[in-house]
């Protein structure tokens, strides 16, 4: 087992946003989990958006989606808030956007448009953060987008309400994630598996993407990290990423 320490987790969760920067910045903390046996899942995201050269227009955003495959229903909601109503910690995961909050182990909040989604959740993980990139690249200017799984194989409990209907969240498995950068990857597909059917303790993080070089998209690159049997297998060097073969379309990805 790859055990976490609170100090390592807090370092990777501290906010990278610099108020007043003209470079442009996005940063999000997102949380997702699935029911172990039923086609039910949720996704929640707390985000900073700072447009290039317009630091005064920075906002905090809340996003949430609930997936109910039994009803064949996907319910999504989003809200935007001025930065004066938001706070993000440099000591670790501690976020507040309007009346919604996130800190390690606790999520509480809600959005009312176009669907009414509310959550009151606790979670925990004994896994250390998973770095999709080699550690030195998190301090480099390229790639522009950085991503960390702060808590792999997290277990969530609590309640999630969708338009007045309440779902009991009882040890749903998923993750806590942190990503940031000057810009998103121009075109990409991202995949994550929190436990496989034949190995519930395995974890996979993978991205296939392309970046613009002037007006032209680069060849595709693929990075992935797999934790299996207490060992972490990293396929994430820059040279290896561009040699890797991968393709994706809606609802499918192969690499």
C-alpha atoms as a PDB file:
ATOM      1  CA  UNK A   1       0.000   0.000   0.000  1.00  0.00           C
ATOM      2  CA  UNK A   2       1.264   3.485  -0.886  1.00  0.00           C
ATOM      3  CA  UNK A   3       0.539   5.452   2.270  1.00  0.00           C
ATOM      4  CA  UNK A   4       0.013   9.196   2.448  1.00  0.00           C
ATOM      5  CA  UNK A   5       1.324  11.747   4.925  1.00  0.00           C
ATOM      6  CA  UNK A   6      -0.728  14.896   5.697  1.00  0.00           C
ATOM      7  CA  UNK A   7       2.237  17.174   4.907  1.00  0.00           C
ATOM      8  CA  UNK A   8       2.630  15.765   1.375  1.00  0.00           C
ATOM      9  CA  UNK A   9      -1.104  15.951   0.745  1.00  0.00           C
ATOM     10  CA  UNK A  10      -1.292  19.556   1.969  1.00  0.00           C
ATOM     11  CA  UNK A  11       1.621  20.607  -0.258  1.00  0.00           C
ATOM     12  CA  UNK A  12      -0.034  19.294  -3.405  1.00  0.00           C
ATOM     13  CA  UNK A  13      -3.382  20.832  -2.438  1.00  0.00           C
ATOM     14  CA  UNK A  14      -2.205  24.377  -1.692  1.00  0.00           C
ATOM     15  CA  UNK A  15      -3.602  26.952  -4.112  1.00  0.00           C
ATOM     16  CA  UNK A  16      -1.321  28.120  -6.957  1.00  0.00           C
ATOM     17  CA  UNK A  17      -3.409  31.166  -7.942  1.00  0.00           C
ATOM     18  CA  UNK A  18      -1.586  34.519  -7.712  1.00  0.00           C
ATOM     19  CA  UNK A  19      -4.094  37.400  -7.319  1.00  0.00           C
ATOM     20  CA  UNK A  20      -3.406  40.200  -9.777  1.00  0.00           C
ATOM     21  CA  UNK A  21      -1.462  38.047 -12.246  1.00  0.00           C
ATOM     22  CA  UNK A  22      -1.995  39.007 -15.895  1.00  0.00           C
ATOM     23  CA  UNK A  23      -0.970  35.593 -17.253  1.00  0.00           C
ATOM     24  CA  UNK A  24      -4.357  34.003 -16.944  1.00  0.00           C
ATOM     25  CA  UNK A  25      -5.054  31.100 -14.624  1.00  0.00           C
ATOM     26  CA  UNK A  26      -7.488  28.305 -13.973  1.00  0.00           C
ATOM     27  CA  UNK A  27      -7.465  26.071 -10.924  1.00  0.00           C
ATOM     28  CA  UNK A  28      -9.919  23.508  -9.656  1.00  0.00           C
ATOM     29  CA  UNK A  29     -10.454  21.056  -6.852  1.00  0.00           C
ATOM     30  CA  UNK A  30     -12.803  18.330  -7.967  1.00  0.00           C
ATOM     31  CA  UNK A  31     -14.290  15.286  -6.306  1.00  0.00           C
ATOM     32  CA  UNK A  32     -15.922  12.258  -7.879  1.00  0.00           C
ATOM     33  CA  UNK A  33     -17.221   8.884  -6.779  1.00  0.00           C
ATOM     34  CA  UNK A  34     -19.272   5.940  -8.000  1.00  0.00           C
ATOM     35  CA  UNK A  35     -21.632   3.533  -6.295  1.00  0.00           C
ATOM     36  CA  UNK A  36     -19.898   0.151  -6.142  1.00  0.00           C
ATOM     37  CA  UNK A  37     -22.725  -1.854  -7.752  1.00  0.00           C
ATOM     38  CA  UNK A  38     -25.305   0.536  -9.201  1.00  0.00           C
ATOM     39  CA  UNK A  39     -24.939   3.006 -12.103  1.00  0.00           C
ATOM     40  CA  UNK A  40     -24.844   6.072  -9.833  1.00  0.00           C
ATOM     41  CA  UNK A  41     -22.102   8.686  -9.594  1.00  0.00           C
ATOM     42  CA  UNK A  42     -21.403  12.321  -8.724  1.00  0.00           C
ATOM     43  CA  UNK A  43     -18.844  14.982  -9.653  1.00  0.00           C
ATOM     44  CA  UNK A  44     -18.277  18.291  -7.813  1.00  0.00           C
ATOM     45  CA  UNK A  45     -15.810  21.031  -8.745  1.00  0.00           C
ATOM     46  CA  UNK A  46     -14.675  24.227  -6.984  1.00  0.00           C
ATOM     47  CA  UNK A  47     -12.854  26.451  -9.496  1.00  0.00           C
ATOM     48  CA  UNK A  48     -10.904  29.687  -9.939  1.00  0.00           C
ATOM     49  CA  UNK A  49     -11.114  31.304 -13.376  1.00  0.00           C
ATOM     50  CA  UNK A  50      -8.862  34.284 -14.178  1.00  0.00           C
ATOM     51  CA  UNK A  51      -8.910  35.504 -17.807  1.00  0.00           C
ATOM     52  CA  UNK A  52      -5.632  36.527 -19.476  1.00  0.00           C
ATOM     53  CA  UNK A  53      -4.831  40.185 -18.789  1.00  0.00           C
ATOM     54  CA  UNK A  54      -8.049  40.690 -16.819  1.00  0.00           C
ATOM     55  CA  UNK A  55      -7.232  39.797 -13.229  1.00  0.00           C
ATOM     56  CA  UNK A  56     -10.041  42.069 -12.031  1.00  0.00           C
ATOM     57  CA  UNK A  57     -12.562  39.746 -13.694  1.00  0.00           C
ATOM     58  CA  UNK A  58     -11.461  36.655 -11.777  1.00  0.00           C
ATOM     59  CA  UNK A  59     -14.341  34.584 -10.410  1.00  0.00           C
ATOM     60  CA  UNK A  60     -15.013  31.465  -8.412  1.00  0.00           C
ATOM     61  CA  UNK A  61     -17.148  28.784 -10.047  1.00  0.00           C
ATOM     62  CA  UNK A  62     -19.085  25.845  -8.657  1.00  0.00           C
ATOM     63  CA  UNK A  63     -19.911  22.895 -10.900  1.00  0.00           C
ATOM     64  CA  UNK A  64     -21.754  19.693 -10.080  1.00  0.00           C
ATOM     65  CA  UNK A  65     -23.240  16.718 -11.922  1.00  0.00           C
ATOM     66  CA  UNK A  66     -25.163  13.700 -10.671  1.00  0.00           C
ATOM     67  CA  UNK A  67     -25.463  10.609 -12.874  1.00  0.00           C
ATOM     68  CA  UNK A  68     -28.369   8.202 -12.361  1.00  0.00           C
ATOM     69  CA  UNK A  69     -28.129   5.390 -14.900  1.00  0.00           C
ATOM     70  CA  UNK A  70     -31.175   3.642 -13.472  1.00  0.00           C
ATOM     71  CA  UNK A  71     -33.361   6.620 -14.374  1.00  0.00           C
ATOM     72  CA  UNK A  72     -31.214   7.407 -17.444  1.00  0.00           C
ATOM     73  CA  UNK A  73     -30.865  10.906 -16.034  1.00  0.00           C
ATOM     74  CA  UNK A  74     -27.929  13.313 -15.834  1.00  0.00           C
ATOM     75  CA  UNK A  75     -28.478  16.440 -13.706  1.00  0.00           C
ATOM     76  CA  UNK A  76     -25.979  19.307 -13.943  1.00  0.00           C
ATOM     77  CA  UNK A  77     -25.673  22.757 -12.363  1.00  0.00           C
ATOM     78  CA  UNK A  78     -23.199  25.661 -12.313  1.00  0.00           C
ATOM     79  CA  UNK A  79     -22.859  28.992 -10.496  1.00  0.00           C
ATOM     80  CA  UNK A  80     -20.391  31.897 -10.673  1.00  0.00           C
ATOM     81  CA  UNK A  81     -19.313  34.144  -7.788  1.00  0.00           C
ATOM     82  CA  UNK A  82     -17.070  37.209  -7.361  1.00  0.00           C
ATOM     83  CA  UNK A  83     -13.676  36.532  -5.822  1.00  0.00           C
ATOM     84  CA  UNK A  84     -14.641  38.659  -2.821  1.00  0.00           C
ATOM     85  CA  UNK A  85     -17.010  35.808  -1.888  1.00  0.00           C
ATOM     86  CA  UNK A  86     -14.275  33.155  -2.249  1.00  0.00           C
ATOM     87  CA  UNK A  87     -11.222  31.992  -0.341  1.00  0.00           C
ATOM     88  CA  UNK A  88      -8.493  29.450  -1.187  1.00  0.00           C
ATOM     89  CA  UNK A  89      -5.776  28.335   1.222  1.00  0.00           C
ATOM     90  CA  UNK A  90      -2.000  28.244   0.681  1.00  0.00           C
ATOM     91  CA  UNK A  91      -1.661  25.707   3.514  1.00  0.00           C
ATOM     92  CA  UNK A  92      -3.666  22.877   1.947  1.00  0.00           C
ATOM     93  CA  UNK A  93      -7.166  22.051   0.837  1.00  0.00           C
ATOM     94  CA  UNK A  94      -9.482  24.667   2.284  1.00  0.00           C
ATOM     95  CA  UNK A  95     -11.848  26.331  -0.169  1.00  0.00           C
ATOM     96  CA  UNK A  96     -14.928  28.513   0.196  1.00  0.00           C
ATOM     97  CA  UNK A  97     -17.078  29.735  -2.701  1.00  0.00           C
ATOM     98  CA  UNK A  98     -20.119  31.659  -1.445  1.00  0.00           C
ATOM     99  CA  UNK A  99     -21.877  29.246   0.945  1.00  0.00           C
ATOM    100  CA  UNK A 100     -20.162  26.112  -0.396  1.00  0.00           C
ATOM    101  CA  UNK A 101     -16.961  24.763   1.117  1.00  0.00           C
ATOM    102  CA  UNK A 102     -14.348  22.043   0.713  1.00  0.00           C
ATOM    103  CA  UNK A 103     -11.580  20.982   3.039  1.00  0.00           C
ATOM    104  CA  UNK A 104      -9.821  17.674   3.381  1.00  0.00           C
ATOM    105  CA  UNK A 105     -12.402  15.144   4.546  1.00  0.00           C
ATOM    106  CA  UNK A 106     -15.466  17.411   4.232  1.00  0.00           C
ATOM    107  CA  UNK A 107     -17.599  18.824   1.393  1.00  0.00           C
ATOM    108  CA  UNK A 108     -20.727  20.895   1.796  1.00  0.00           C
ATOM    109  CA  UNK A 109     -22.596  23.051  -0.667  1.00  0.00           C
ATOM    110  CA  UNK A 110     -25.217  23.498  -3.306  1.00  0.00           C
ATOM    111  CA  UNK A 111     -26.190  25.029  -6.646  1.00  0.00           C
ATOM    112  CA  UNK A 112     -29.704  25.964  -7.721  1.00  0.00           C
ATOM    113  CA  UNK A 113     -29.560  26.433 -11.528  1.00  0.00           C
ATOM    114  CA  UNK A 114     -30.544  24.833 -13.843  1.00  0.00           C
ATOM    115  CA  UNK A 115     -30.976  21.959 -11.366  1.00  0.00           C
ATOM    116  CA  UNK A 116     -31.047  22.026  -7.572  1.00  0.00           C
ATOM    117  CA  UNK A 117     -28.036  19.998  -6.406  1.00  0.00           C
ATOM    118  CA  UNK A 118     -26.921  19.863  -2.759  1.00  0.00           C
ATOM    119  CA  UNK A 119     -24.240  17.792  -1.066  1.00  0.00           C
ATOM    120  CA  UNK A 120     -23.117  17.106   2.488  1.00  0.00           C
ATOM    121  CA  UNK A 121     -20.259  14.622   2.375  1.00  0.00           C
ATOM    122  CA  UNK A 122     -17.312  13.252   4.313  1.00  0.00           C
ATOM    123  CA  UNK A 123     -14.442  11.330   2.755  1.00  0.00           C
ATOM    124  CA  UNK A 124     -11.044   9.882   3.520  1.00  0.00           C
ATOM    125  CA  UNK A 125      -8.142   8.062   1.896  1.00  0.00           C
ATOM    126  CA  UNK A 126      -4.995   6.373   3.165  1.00  0.00           C
ATOM    127  CA  UNK A 127      -3.221   6.792  -0.191  1.00  0.00           C
ATOM    128  CA  UNK A 128      -0.534   9.358  -0.939  1.00  0.00           C
ATOM    129  CA  UNK A 129      -1.115  11.832  -3.815  1.00  0.00           C
ATOM    130  CA  UNK A 130      -0.630  10.476  -7.329  1.00  0.00           C
ATOM    131  CA  UNK A 131       1.376  12.706  -9.695  1.00  0.00           C
ATOM    132  CA  UNK A 132       0.432  12.335 -13.345  1.00  0.00           C
ATOM    133  CA  UNK A 133       3.564  14.261 -14.412  1.00  0.00           C
ATOM    134  CA  UNK A 134       7.193  13.727 -13.354  1.00  0.00           C
ATOM    135  CA  UNK A 135       7.642  15.876 -10.236  1.00  0.00           C
ATOM    136  CA  UNK A 136      10.143  18.270 -11.859  1.00  0.00           C
ATOM    137  CA  UNK A 137       7.578  19.270 -14.500  1.00  0.00           C
ATOM    138  CA  UNK A 138       5.297  20.771 -11.841  1.00  0.00           C
ATOM    139  CA  UNK A 139       7.927  23.508 -11.437  1.00  0.00           C
ATOM    140  CA  UNK A 140       8.444  23.960 -15.199  1.00  0.00           C
ATOM    141  CA  UNK A 141       6.630  26.343 -17.555  1.00  0.00           C
ATOM    142  CA  UNK A 142       5.653  23.456 -19.855  1.00  0.00           C
ATOM    143  CA  UNK A 143       3.223  21.785 -19.808  1.00  0.00           C
ATOM    144  CA  UNK A 144       0.901  24.682 -19.027  1.00  0.00           C
ATOM    145  CA  UNK A 145      -1.623  22.373 -17.324  1.00  0.00           C
ATOM    146  CA  UNK A 146      -0.754  20.438 -14.144  1.00  0.00           C
ATOM    147  CA  UNK A 147      -2.794  17.692 -12.490  1.00  0.00           C
ATOM    148  CA  UNK A 148      -2.557  15.793  -9.194  1.00  0.00           C
ATOM    149  CA  UNK A 149      -4.835  13.190  -7.625  1.00  0.00           C
ATOM    150  CA  UNK A 150      -4.694  14.437  -4.038  1.00  0.00           C
ATOM    151  CA  UNK A 151      -6.545  11.429  -2.581  1.00  0.00           C
ATOM    152  CA  UNK A 152      -6.798   8.300  -4.749  1.00  0.00           C
ATOM    153  CA  UNK A 153      -9.298   5.600  -3.725  1.00  0.00           C
ATOM    154  CA  UNK A 154     -11.167   8.008  -1.472  1.00  0.00           C
ATOM    155  CA  UNK A 155     -14.350   6.729   0.184  1.00  0.00           C
ATOM    156  CA  UNK A 156     -17.308   9.112   0.446  1.00  0.00           C
ATOM    157  CA  UNK A 157     -20.289   9.021   2.819  1.00  0.00           C
ATOM    158  CA  UNK A 158     -23.185  11.404   3.374  1.00  0.00           C
ATOM    159  CA  UNK A 159     -26.065  12.683   1.259  1.00  0.00           C
ATOM    160  CA  UNK A 160     -26.503  14.136  -2.221  1.00  0.00           C
ATOM    161  CA  UNK A 161     -29.816  15.764  -3.183  1.00  0.00           C
ATOM    162  CA  UNK A 162     -31.024  16.173  -6.779  1.00  0.00           C
ATOM    163  CA  UNK A 163     -34.098  18.381  -7.279  1.00  0.00           C
ATOM    164  CA  UNK A 164     -35.441  17.342  -3.884  1.00  0.00           C
ATOM    165  CA  UNK A 165     -34.658  13.614  -4.198  1.00  0.00           C
ATOM    166  CA  UNK A 166     -32.038  12.449  -1.708  1.00  0.00           C
ATOM    167  CA  UNK A 167     -29.373   9.806  -2.394  1.00  0.00           C
ATOM    168  CA  UNK A 168     -27.533   8.097   0.448  1.00  0.00           C
ATOM    169  CA  UNK A 169     -23.784   8.022  -0.241  1.00  0.00           C
ATOM    170  CA  UNK A 170     -22.396   4.993   1.610  1.00  0.00           C
ATOM    171  CA  UNK A 171     -18.692   4.332   0.996  1.00  0.00           C
ATOM    172  CA  UNK A 172     -18.788   5.263  -2.675  1.00  0.00           C
ATOM    173  CA  UNK A 173     -15.252   5.065  -4.075  1.00  0.00           C
ATOM    174  CA  UNK A 174     -13.596   7.834  -6.051  1.00  0.00           C
ATOM    175  CA  UNK A 175     -10.994  10.551  -5.617  1.00  0.00           C
ATOM    176  CA  UNK A 176     -10.093  14.105  -4.648  1.00  0.00           C
ATOM    177  CA  UNK A 177      -8.228  15.968  -7.402  1.00  0.00           C
ATOM    178  CA  UNK A 178      -6.388  19.258  -7.984  1.00  0.00           C
ATOM    179  CA  UNK A 179      -5.442  20.804 -11.306  1.00  0.00           C
ATOM    180  CA  UNK A 180      -4.180  24.232 -12.366  1.00  0.00           C
ATOM    181  CA  UNK A 181      -2.341  26.163 -15.032  1.00  0.00           C
ATOM    182  CA  UNK A 182      -2.226  29.112 -17.396  1.00  0.00           C
ATOM    183  CA  UNK A 183      -4.430  27.269 -19.891  1.00  0.00           C
ATOM    184  CA  UNK A 184      -6.111  23.936 -20.437  1.00  0.00           C
ATOM    185  CA  UNK A 185      -4.606  21.396 -22.821  1.00  0.00           C
ATOM    186  CA  UNK A 186      -6.048  22.350 -26.216  1.00  0.00           C
ATOM    187  CA  UNK A 187      -7.571  18.943 -26.963  1.00  0.00           C
ATOM    188  CA  UNK A 188      -7.596  15.966 -24.636  1.00  0.00           C
ATOM    189  CA  UNK A 189      -9.324  12.958 -23.162  1.00  0.00           C
ATOM    190  CA  UNK A 190      -8.851  12.073 -19.498  1.00  0.00           C
ATOM    191  CA  UNK A 191      -9.561   8.803 -17.773  1.00  0.00           C
ATOM    192  CA  UNK A 192      -9.499   7.576 -14.190  1.00  0.00           C
ATOM    193  CA  UNK A 193     -10.359   4.212 -12.639  1.00  0.00           C
ATOM    194  CA  UNK A 194     -10.738   4.029  -8.850  1.00  0.00           C
ATOM    195  CA  UNK A 195     -10.595   0.284  -8.339  1.00  0.00           C
ATOM    196  CA  UNK A 196     -11.066  -2.393 -10.983  1.00  0.00           C
ATOM    197  CA  UNK A 197     -13.619  -5.211 -10.825  1.00  0.00           C
ATOM    198  CA  UNK A 198     -10.881  -7.789 -10.235  1.00  0.00           C
ATOM    199  CA  UNK A 199      -8.684  -5.539  -8.044  1.00  0.00           C
ATOM    200  CA  UNK A 200     -10.521  -2.906  -5.968  1.00  0.00           C
ATOM    201  CA  UNK A 201      -7.208  -1.485  -4.699  1.00  0.00           C
ATOM    202  CA  UNK A 202      -5.798  -0.683  -8.146  1.00  0.00           C
ATOM    203  CA  UNK A 203      -5.903   2.888  -9.454  1.00  0.00           C
ATOM    204  CA  UNK A 204      -5.318   4.301 -12.952  1.00  0.00           C
ATOM    205  CA  UNK A 205      -4.870   7.901 -14.122  1.00  0.00           C
ATOM    206  CA  UNK A 206      -4.369   8.599 -17.854  1.00  0.00           C
ATOM    207  CA  UNK A 207      -4.509  11.509 -20.279  1.00  0.00           C
ATOM    208  CA  UNK A 208      -4.173  11.685 -24.066  1.00  0.00           C
ATOM    209  CA  UNK A 209      -3.909  15.171 -25.503  1.00  0.00           C
ATOM    210  CA  UNK A 210      -2.696  17.583 -28.148  1.00  0.00           C
ATOM    211  CA  UNK A 211      -1.365  21.119 -27.756  1.00  0.00           C
ATOM    212  CA  UNK A 212      -1.342  23.976 -30.239  1.00  0.00           C
ATOM    213  CA  UNK A 213       1.992  25.004 -31.685  1.00  0.00           C
ATOM    214  CA  UNK A 214       0.993  28.194 -33.433  1.00  0.00           C
ATOM    215  CA  UNK A 215      -2.141  27.331 -35.433  1.00  0.00           C
ATOM    216  CA  UNK A 216      -1.295  23.610 -35.644  1.00  0.00           C
ATOM    217  CA  UNK A 217      -2.128  20.823 -33.195  1.00  0.00           C
ATOM    218  CA  UNK A 218       0.809  18.708 -32.062  1.00  0.00           C
ATOM    219  CA  UNK A 219       0.857  14.933 -32.440  1.00  0.00           C
ATOM    220  CA  UNK A 220      -0.970  13.195 -29.622  1.00  0.00           C
ATOM    221  CA  UNK A 221       0.800  12.449 -26.337  1.00  0.00           C
ATOM    222  CA  UNK A 222      -0.255  10.015 -23.610  1.00  0.00           C
ATOM    223  CA  UNK A 223       0.781   9.839 -19.962  1.00  0.00           C
ATOM    224  CA  UNK A 224      -0.447   7.340 -17.422  1.00  0.00           C
ATOM    225  CA  UNK A 225       0.267   6.142 -13.905  1.00  0.00           C
ATOM    226  CA  UNK A 226      -1.002   2.808 -12.585  1.00  0.00           C
ATOM    227  CA  UNK A 227      -0.939   1.669  -8.965  1.00  0.00           C
ATOM    228  CA  UNK A 228      -1.178  -2.069  -8.664  1.00  0.00           C
ATOM    229  CA  UNK A 229      -0.261  -4.426  -5.836  1.00  0.00           C
ATOM    230  CA  UNK A 230       1.448  -1.700  -3.818  1.00  0.00           C
ATOM    231  CA  UNK A 231       3.672  -0.638  -6.745  1.00  0.00           C
ATOM    232  CA  UNK A 232       3.375   2.520  -8.836  1.00  0.00           C
ATOM    233  CA  UNK A 233       4.042   2.106 -12.564  1.00  0.00           C
ATOM    234  CA  UNK A 234       4.773   5.413 -14.292  1.00  0.00           C
ATOM    235  CA  UNK A 235       4.541   5.873 -18.041  1.00  0.00           C
ATOM    236  CA  UNK A 236       4.855   9.655 -18.004  1.00  0.00           C
ATOM    237  CA  UNK A 237       8.147  10.888 -19.474  1.00  0.00           C
ATOM    238  CA  UNK A 238       7.830  13.521 -22.193  1.00  0.00           C
ATOM    239  CA  UNK A 239       9.634  11.395 -24.787  1.00  0.00           C
ATOM    240  CA  UNK A 240       7.575   8.332 -23.880  1.00  0.00           C
ATOM    241  CA  UNK A 241       4.373  10.395 -23.982  1.00  0.00           C
ATOM    242  CA  UNK A 242       4.858  11.300 -27.654  1.00  0.00           C
ATOM    243  CA  UNK A 243       5.889   7.744 -28.604  1.00  0.00           C
ATOM    244  CA  UNK A 244       2.782   6.251 -27.015  1.00  0.00           C
ATOM    245  CA  UNK A 245      -0.106   5.207 -29.244  1.00  0.00           C
ATOM    246  CA  UNK A 246      -3.618   6.242 -28.264  1.00  0.00           C
ATOM    247  CA  UNK A 247      -6.971   7.273 -29.689  1.00  0.00           C
ATOM    248  CA  UNK A 248     -10.280   8.436 -28.268  1.00  0.00           C
ATOM    249  CA  UNK A 249     -13.804   9.324 -29.237  1.00  0.00           C
ATOM    250  CA  UNK A 250     -16.986   9.864 -27.259  1.00  0.00           C
ATOM    251  CA  UNK A 251     -17.339   7.139 -24.588  1.00  0.00           C
ATOM    252  CA  UNK A 252     -14.210   5.221 -25.593  1.00  0.00           C
ATOM    253  CA  UNK A 253     -10.470   5.570 -25.167  1.00  0.00           C
ATOM    254  CA  UNK A 254      -7.677   3.183 -26.137  1.00  0.00           C
ATOM    255  CA  UNK A 255      -3.973   3.454 -25.382  1.00  0.00           C
END
